C-alpha atoms as a PDB file:
ATOM      1  CA  MET A   1     -66.304  11.421   4.464  1.00  0.00           C
ATOM      2  CA  ASP A   2     -66.526  10.216   0.981  1.00  0.00           C
ATOM      3  CA  ASP A   3     -63.727   8.238  -0.674  1.00  0.00           C
ATOM      4  CA  ALA A   4     -62.203  11.178  -2.250  1.00  0.00           C
ATOM      5  CA  GLN A   5     -61.878  13.079   1.055  1.00  0.00           C
ATOM      6  CA  LEU A   6     -60.393   9.994   2.730  1.00  0.00           C
ATOM      7  CA  VAL A   7     -57.946   9.789  -0.040  1.00  0.00           C
ATOM      8  CA  GLU A   8     -57.004  13.422   0.199  1.00  0.00           C
ATOM      9  CA  ALA A   9     -56.561  13.052   3.930  1.00  0.00           C
ATOM     10  CA  ILE A  10     -54.193  10.049   3.372  1.00  0.00           C
ATOM     11  CA  SER A  11     -52.510  11.867   0.360  1.00  0.00           C
ATOM     12  CA  PRO A  12     -52.790  10.563  -3.172  1.00  0.00           C
ATOM     13  CA  GLU A  13     -49.087   9.836  -3.306  1.00  0.00           C
ATOM     14  CA  ARG A  14     -49.230   7.549  -0.104  1.00  0.00           C
ATOM     15  CA  PHE A  15     -52.400   5.882  -1.327  1.00  0.00           C
ATOM     16  CA  GLN A  16     -51.349   5.178  -4.784  1.00  0.00           C
ATOM     17  CA  PRO A  17     -49.608   1.791  -4.062  1.00  0.00           C
ATOM     18  CA  PHE A  18     -52.822   0.498  -2.365  1.00  0.00           C
ATOM     19  CA  LEU A  19     -54.915   1.770  -5.408  1.00  0.00           C
ATOM     20  CA  ALA A  20     -52.564  -0.119  -7.762  1.00  0.00           C
ATOM     21  CA  ALA A  21     -52.908  -3.296  -5.552  1.00  0.00           C
ATOM     22  CA  CYS A  22     -56.621  -3.093  -6.034  1.00  0.00           C
ATOM     23  CA  ASP A  23     -56.757  -2.501  -9.826  1.00  0.00           C
ATOM     24  CA  GLY A  24     -57.836   1.174  -9.337  1.00  0.00           C
ATOM     25  CA  ASN A  25     -60.831   0.240  -6.998  1.00  0.00           C
ATOM     26  CA  ALA A  26     -60.739   3.095  -4.412  1.00  0.00           C
ATOM     27  CA  ALA A  27     -63.259   1.593  -2.034  1.00  0.00           C
ATOM     28  CA  ARG A  28     -61.330  -1.695  -1.936  1.00  0.00           C
ATOM     29  CA  ALA A  29     -58.028   0.075  -1.708  1.00  0.00           C
ATOM     30  CA  LEU A  30     -59.379   2.106   1.329  1.00  0.00           C
ATOM     31  CA  ARG A  31     -60.104  -1.353   3.011  1.00  0.00           C
ATOM     32  CA  LEU A  32     -56.638  -2.508   2.170  1.00  0.00           C
ATOM     33  CA  TYR A  33     -55.197   0.598   3.724  1.00  0.00           C
ATOM     34  CA  ALA A  34     -57.117  -0.075   6.882  1.00  0.00           C
ATOM     35  CA  TRP A  35     -56.172  -3.709   6.963  1.00  0.00           C
ATOM     36  CA  ASP A  36     -52.531  -2.752   6.353  1.00  0.00           C
ATOM     37  CA  ALA A  37     -52.495  -0.767   9.609  1.00  0.00           C
ATOM     38  CA  GLU A  38     -54.277  -3.527  11.481  1.00  0.00           C
ATOM     39  CA  ALA A  39     -51.489  -6.003  10.412  1.00  0.00           C
ATOM     40  CA  ALA A  40     -48.862  -3.453  11.479  1.00  0.00           C
ATOM     41  CA  ARG A  41     -50.379  -3.200  14.931  1.00  0.00           C
ATOM     42  CA  ALA A  42     -50.553  -6.967  15.308  1.00  0.00           C
ATOM     43  CA  LEU A  43     -46.956  -7.403  14.129  1.00  0.00           C
ATOM     44  CA  HIS A  44     -45.598  -4.733  16.392  1.00  0.00           C
ATOM     45  CA  SER A  45     -45.982  -7.080  19.433  1.00  0.00           C
ATOM     46  CA  PRO A  46     -43.747  -9.906  18.407  1.00  0.00           C
ATOM     47  CA  LEU A  47     -41.339  -7.465  16.839  1.00  0.00           C
ATOM     48  CA  ARG A  48     -41.057  -5.565  20.013  1.00  0.00           C
ATOM     49  CA  ASP A  49     -40.445  -8.568  22.121  1.00  0.00           C
ATOM     50  CA  LEU A  50     -37.843  -9.905  19.643  1.00  0.00           C
ATOM     51  CA  GLU A  51     -36.097  -6.629  19.840  1.00  0.00           C
ATOM     52  CA  VAL A  52     -36.191  -6.488  23.600  1.00  0.00           C
ATOM     53  CA  SER A  53     -35.139 -10.132  24.215  1.00  0.00           C
ATOM     54  CA  LEU A  54     -32.397 -10.009  21.534  1.00  0.00           C
ATOM     55  CA  ARG A  55     -30.779  -6.887  23.034  1.00  0.00           C
ATOM     56  CA  ASN A  56     -30.996  -8.366  26.724  1.00  0.00           C
ATOM     57  CA  ARG A  57     -29.507 -11.748  25.490  1.00  0.00           C
ATOM     58  CA  LEU A  58     -26.723 -10.223  23.675  1.00  0.00           C
ATOM     59  CA  HIS A  59     -25.936  -7.684  26.339  1.00  0.00           C
ATOM     60  CA  ARG A  60     -25.767 -10.334  29.117  1.00  0.00           C
ATOM     61  CA  GLN A  61     -23.492 -12.568  26.910  1.00  0.00           C
ATOM     62  CA  LEU A  62     -21.082  -9.521  26.328  1.00  0.00           C
ATOM     63  CA  VAL A  63     -21.054  -8.410  29.954  1.00  0.00           C
ATOM     64  CA  GLY A  64     -20.310 -12.137  31.006  1.00  0.00           C
ATOM     65  CA  LYS A  65     -17.465 -12.335  28.536  1.00  0.00           C
ATOM     66  CA  PHE A  66     -15.757  -8.966  29.121  1.00  0.00           C
ATOM     67  CA  GLY A  67     -16.562  -8.612  32.704  1.00  0.00           C
ATOM     68  CA  GLN A  68     -18.270  -5.136  32.826  1.00  0.00           C
ATOM     69  CA  ALA A  69     -21.638  -3.656  32.051  1.00  0.00           C
ATOM     70  CA  ASP A  70     -20.157  -1.098  29.540  1.00  0.00           C
ATOM     71  CA  TRP A  71     -18.431  -3.802  27.521  1.00  0.00           C
ATOM     72  CA  TRP A  72     -18.133  -1.459  24.586  1.00  0.00           C
ATOM     73  CA  HIS A  73     -15.232   0.397  26.309  1.00  0.00           C
ATOM     74  CA  ILE A  74     -13.289  -2.944  26.477  1.00  0.00           C
ATOM     75  CA  ARG A  75     -14.137  -4.240  22.913  1.00  0.00           C
ATOM     76  CA  GLN A  76     -15.051  -1.208  20.992  1.00  0.00           C
ATOM     77  CA  PRO A  77     -17.577  -1.503  18.135  1.00  0.00           C
ATOM     78  CA  ASN A  78     -17.282   0.234  14.726  1.00  0.00           C
ATOM     79  CA  SER A  79     -17.775   4.003  14.168  1.00  0.00           C
ATOM     80  CA  TYR A  80     -21.479   3.576  13.288  1.00  0.00           C
ATOM     81  CA  ALA A  81     -22.215   1.711  16.658  1.00  0.00           C
ATOM     82  CA  LEU A  82     -20.226   4.135  18.538  1.00  0.00           C
ATOM     83  CA  ALA A  83     -22.220   6.961  17.147  1.00  0.00           C
ATOM     84  CA  ASP A  84     -25.362   5.255  18.392  1.00  0.00           C
ATOM     85  CA  ILE A  85     -23.763   4.944  21.914  1.00  0.00           C
ATOM     86  CA  ARG A  86     -22.783   8.617  21.911  1.00  0.00           C
ATOM     87  CA  SER A  87     -26.299   9.506  20.811  1.00  0.00           C
ATOM     88  CA  ALA A  88     -27.773   7.623  23.608  1.00  0.00           C
ATOM     89  CA  GLU A  89     -25.450   9.118  26.075  1.00  0.00           C
ATOM     90  CA  GLU A  90     -26.353  12.596  25.005  1.00  0.00           C
ATOM     91  CA  GLN A  91     -30.022  11.887  25.299  1.00  0.00           C
ATOM     92  CA  LEU A  92     -29.445  10.572  28.790  1.00  0.00           C
ATOM     93  CA  LYS A  93     -27.293  13.625  29.881  1.00  0.00           C
ATOM     94  CA  GLU A  94     -30.097  16.014  28.645  1.00  0.00           C
ATOM     95  CA  ARG A  95     -32.401  14.455  31.348  1.00  0.00           C
ATOM     96  CA  GLY A  96     -30.041  15.796  34.042  1.00  0.00           C
ATOM     97  CA  ARG A  97     -29.995  12.587  36.046  1.00  0.00           C
ATOM     98  CA  PRO A  98     -27.505   9.875  36.705  1.00  0.00           C
ATOM     99  CA  TYR A  99     -27.483   7.084  34.297  1.00  0.00           C
ATOM    100  CA  GLY A 100     -25.704   3.830  33.797  1.00  0.00           C
ATOM    101  CA  ALA A 101     -24.949   1.132  31.251  1.00  0.00           C
ATOM    102  CA  SER A 102     -28.399  -0.410  31.420  1.00  0.00           C
ATOM    103  CA  ASP A 103     -29.909   2.979  30.523  1.00  0.00           C
ATOM    104  CA  ILE A 104     -27.693   3.275  27.474  1.00  0.00           C
ATOM    105  CA  VAL A 105     -28.612  -0.253  26.466  1.00  0.00           C
ATOM    106  CA  ALA A 106     -32.327   0.523  26.495  1.00  0.00           C
ATOM    107  CA  LYS A 107     -31.722   3.432  24.169  1.00  0.00           C
ATOM    108  CA  LEU A 108     -29.706   1.735  21.450  1.00  0.00           C
ATOM    109  CA  PRO A 109     -31.757   1.031  18.329  1.00  0.00           C
ATOM    110  CA  PHE A 110     -32.616  -2.548  17.018  1.00  0.00           C
ATOM    111  CA  GLY A 111     -30.179  -2.045  14.282  1.00  0.00           C
ATOM    112  CA  PHE A 112     -27.338  -1.716  16.748  1.00  0.00           C
ATOM    113  CA  TRP A 113     -27.895  -5.208  18.033  1.00  0.00           C
ATOM    114  CA  VAL A 114     -28.651  -6.783  14.662  1.00  0.00           C
ATOM    115  CA  ALA A 115     -25.380  -5.281  13.502  1.00  0.00           C
ATOM    116  CA  LEU A 116     -23.322  -7.054  16.061  1.00  0.00           C
ATOM    117  CA  LEU A 117     -24.104 -10.160  14.230  1.00  0.00           C
ATOM    118  CA  SER A 118     -22.884  -8.826  10.908  1.00  0.00           C
ATOM    119  CA  ARG A 119     -19.285  -8.630   9.683  1.00  0.00           C
ATOM    120  CA  GLY A 120     -19.072  -5.118  11.172  1.00  0.00           C
ATOM    121  CA  GLY A 121     -17.027  -3.802   8.287  1.00  0.00           C
ATOM    122  CA  ARG A 122     -13.612  -2.684   9.557  1.00  0.00           C
ATOM    123  CA  GLY A 123     -14.848  -3.560  13.063  1.00  0.00           C
ATOM    124  CA  ASN A 124     -14.377  -7.244  12.324  1.00  0.00           C
ATOM    125  CA  TYR A 125     -17.371  -8.270  14.533  1.00  0.00           C
ATOM    126  CA  GLU A 126     -16.729 -11.928  13.811  1.00  0.00           C
ATOM    127  CA  MET A 127     -13.462 -11.977  15.626  1.00  0.00           C
ATOM    128  CA  ARG A 128     -14.447  -9.080  18.166  1.00  0.00           C
ATOM    129  CA  TYR A 129     -17.794 -10.462  19.265  1.00  0.00           C
ATOM    130  CA  TRP A 130     -19.081 -13.513  17.518  1.00  0.00           C
ATOM    131  CA  ASN A 131     -16.256 -16.043  17.908  1.00  0.00           C
ATOM    132  CA  PRO A 132     -15.459 -15.244  21.634  1.00  0.00           C
ATOM    133  CA  ALA A 133     -19.124 -14.613  22.945  1.00  0.00           C
ATOM    134  CA  LEU A 134     -22.129 -14.374  20.842  1.00  0.00           C
ATOM    135  CA  ARG A 135     -22.002 -17.626  18.977  1.00  0.00           C
ATOM    136  CA  HIS A 136     -22.564 -19.308  22.273  1.00  0.00           C
ATOM    137  CA  CYS A 137     -26.013 -17.772  22.183  1.00  0.00           C
ATOM    138  CA  PHE A 138     -26.936 -19.449  18.908  1.00  0.00           C
ATOM    139  CA  GLN A 139     -25.559 -23.097  19.004  1.00  0.00           C
ATOM    140  CA  GLY A 140     -26.003 -24.654  15.471  1.00  0.00           C
ATOM    141  CA  HIS A 141     -26.762 -21.321  13.667  1.00  0.00           C
ATOM    142  CA  GLY A 142     -24.269 -19.618  11.353  1.00  0.00           C
ATOM    143  CA  ARG A 143     -23.643 -15.952  11.842  1.00  0.00           C
ATOM    144  CA  GLU A 144     -24.357 -14.750   8.305  1.00  0.00           C
ATOM    145  CA  ALA A 145     -27.740 -16.600   7.940  1.00  0.00           C
ATOM    146  CA  LEU A 146     -28.676 -15.465  11.407  1.00  0.00           C
ATOM    147  CA  HIS A 147     -27.821 -11.825  10.574  1.00  0.00           C
ATOM    148  CA  GLN A 148     -29.782 -11.889   7.263  1.00  0.00           C
ATOM    149  CA  ARG A 149     -33.024 -13.074   9.079  1.00  0.00           C
ATOM    150  CA  LEU A 150     -32.644 -10.592  11.769  1.00  0.00           C
ATOM    151  CA  ASP A 151     -32.049  -7.760   9.282  1.00  0.00           C
ATOM    152  CA  ARG A 152     -35.297  -8.673   7.607  1.00  0.00           C
ATOM    153  CA  MET A 153     -37.002  -8.177  10.860  1.00  0.00           C
ATOM    154  CA  ARG A 154     -35.356  -4.835  11.406  1.00  0.00           C
ATOM    155  CA  THR A 155     -36.447  -3.700   7.997  1.00  0.00           C
ATOM    156  CA  LEU A 156     -40.115  -4.672   8.832  1.00  0.00           C
ATOM    157  CA  ARG A 157     -39.911  -3.126  12.135  1.00  0.00           C
ATOM    158  CA  ASN A 158     -38.723   0.252  10.660  1.00  0.00           C
ATOM    159  CA  ARG A 159     -41.360   0.089   7.982  1.00  0.00           C
ATOM    160  CA  ILE A 160     -43.991  -0.265  10.660  1.00  0.00           C
ATOM    161  CA  ALA A 161     -42.447   2.343  12.870  1.00  0.00           C
ATOM    162  CA  HIS A 162     -42.406   4.901   9.990  1.00  0.00           C
ATOM    163  CA  HIS A 163     -46.009   4.022   8.899  1.00  0.00           C
ATOM    164  CA  GLU A 164     -44.911   2.489   5.586  1.00  0.00           C
ATOM    165  CA  ARG A 165     -46.895  -0.161   3.658  1.00  0.00           C
ATOM    166  CA  ILE A 166     -46.399  -3.677   4.619  1.00  0.00           C
ATOM    167  CA  GLU A 167     -49.409  -5.510   3.033  1.00  0.00           C
ATOM    168  CA  HIS A 168     -47.248  -6.573   0.009  1.00  0.00           C
ATOM    169  CA  ARG A 169     -44.744  -8.566   2.177  1.00  0.00           C
ATOM    170  CA  HIS A 170     -45.110 -12.338   3.017  1.00  0.00           C
ATOM    171  CA  LEU A 171     -46.463 -11.475   6.433  1.00  0.00           C
ATOM    172  CA  ASP A 172     -47.158 -14.975   7.501  1.00  0.00           C
ATOM    173  CA  GLN A 173     -43.533 -15.798   6.781  1.00  0.00           C
ATOM    174  CA  ASP A 174     -42.411 -12.625   8.556  1.00  0.00           C
ATOM    175  CA  PHE A 175     -44.395 -13.714  11.670  1.00  0.00           C
ATOM    176  CA  ARG A 176     -42.839 -17.125  11.747  1.00  0.00           C
ATOM    177  CA  THR A 177     -39.337 -15.755  11.291  1.00  0.00           C
ATOM    178  CA  ALA A 178     -39.788 -13.246  14.242  1.00  0.00           C
ATOM    179  CA  ILE A 179     -41.027 -16.181  16.440  1.00  0.00           C
ATOM    180  CA  ASP A 180     -38.256 -18.576  15.459  1.00  0.00           C
ATOM    181  CA  LEU A 181     -35.680 -15.888  16.047  1.00  0.00           C
ATOM    182  CA  MET A 182     -37.266 -15.031  19.333  1.00  0.00           C
ATOM    183  CA  ARG A 183     -37.208 -18.694  20.437  1.00  0.00           C
ATOM    184  CA  LEU A 184     -33.384 -18.761  20.041  1.00  0.00           C
ATOM    185  CA  VAL A 185     -32.988 -16.011  22.631  1.00  0.00           C
ATOM    186  CA  ALA A 186     -36.178 -16.239  24.837  1.00  0.00           C
ATOM    187  CA  PRO A 187     -38.031 -19.559  24.170  1.00  0.00           C
ATOM    188  CA  GLU A 188     -40.665 -18.927  26.857  1.00  0.00           C
ATOM    189  CA  LEU A 189     -41.596 -15.574  25.324  1.00  0.00           C
ATOM    190  CA  ALA A 190     -41.826 -17.254  21.930  1.00  0.00           C
ATOM    191  CA  ALA A 191     -44.106 -19.809  23.232  1.00  0.00           C
ATOM    192  CA  ARG A 192     -46.378 -17.058  24.663  1.00  0.00           C
ATOM    193  CA  HIS A 193     -46.686 -15.462  21.156  1.00  0.00           C
ATOM    194  CA  ASP A 194     -47.232 -18.892  19.771  1.00  0.00           C
ATOM    195  CA  LYS A 195     -50.266 -19.251  21.936  1.00  0.00           C
ATOM    196  CA  TYR A 196     -51.690 -15.813  22.247  1.00  0.00           C
ATOM    197  CA  SER A 197     -50.701 -13.700  19.214  1.00  0.00           C
ATOM    198  CA  GLN A 198     -53.414 -12.030  17.148  1.00  0.00           C
ATOM    199  CA  VAL A 199     -51.295 -12.044  14.059  1.00  0.00           C
ATOM    200  CA  PRO A 200     -52.632 -15.273  12.410  1.00  0.00           C
ATOM    201  CA  ALA A 201     -56.260 -14.147  12.835  1.00  0.00           C
ATOM    202  CA  VAL A 202     -55.468 -10.682  11.394  1.00  0.00           C
ATOM    203  CA  LEU A 203     -53.758 -12.258   8.514  1.00  0.00           C
ATOM    204  CA  ALA A 204     -56.669 -14.596   7.877  1.00  0.00           C
ATOM    205  CA  ARG A 205     -59.011 -11.631   7.725  1.00  0.00           C
ATOM    206  CA  LYS A 206     -57.449 -10.032   4.710  1.00  0.00           C
ATOM    207  CA  ALA A 207     -59.603 -11.467   1.896  1.00  0.00           C
ATOM    208  CA  ARG A 208     -62.874 -10.940   3.857  1.00  0.00           C
ATOM    209  CA  VAL A 209     -62.001  -7.287   4.635  1.00  0.00           C
ATOM    210  CA  LEU A 210     -61.145  -6.510   1.143  1.00  0.00           C
ATOM    211  CA  SER A 211     -64.419  -8.043  -0.163  1.00  0.00           C
ATOM    212  CA  GLY A 212     -66.477  -6.249   2.471  1.00  0.00           C
ATOM    213  CA  GLN A 213     -67.547  -9.352   4.204  1.00  0.00           C
ATOM    214  CA  GLU A 214     -65.893  -8.167   7.388  1.00  0.00           C
ATOM    215  CA  GLU A 215     -65.675  -4.648   8.795  1.00  0.00           C
ATOM    216  CA  ILE A 216     -62.344  -2.856   8.961  1.00  0.00           C
ATOM    217  CA  VAL A 217     -60.704  -2.293  12.316  1.00  0.00           C
ATOM    218  CA  LEU A 218     -59.058   1.064  13.124  1.00  0.00           C
END
């Protein structure tokens, strides 16, 4: 395929930001497009483990505080979170098999858990969850700053999940933020990513991939 056919397959509208970032050089922009996908694949791993370890840590803390696995029936979240819970329940009912609280927890989106560290709107999460329970997971860390950092990770995770461009972000900083947050809830898992993650190597490849010194990886 020549460059024009590749751009047509991607779509000119989707390709335009990459072309603009490369001053109109289509061949270079196609390499940037490929590297963007490579970076997204690499970052998916720490973001996945951050999401899983965060939800498990928060869930265990809330179960311990309120004394039952479906703690949301005792200390109800706001209407947006309740809609997530109802949606998870409906999906599980459609399977036609028995399910429990752990099944619901596994289906709740990353945004649900990140939002538990927000103000919660009229749900008043600070009094409902943070003060009685969740602050003990994050000794020495303020709720608002913690929520802001996690919400940036949620945004990055969603961009990757929806195949949106990420190459324009400070991805090295994003990676460190993901690891630092993971270290708060699962230090052993964070240490594993520190040692074995491919993210630093992928980020270091960017200039050489764009110049054509190194091959793209698809």
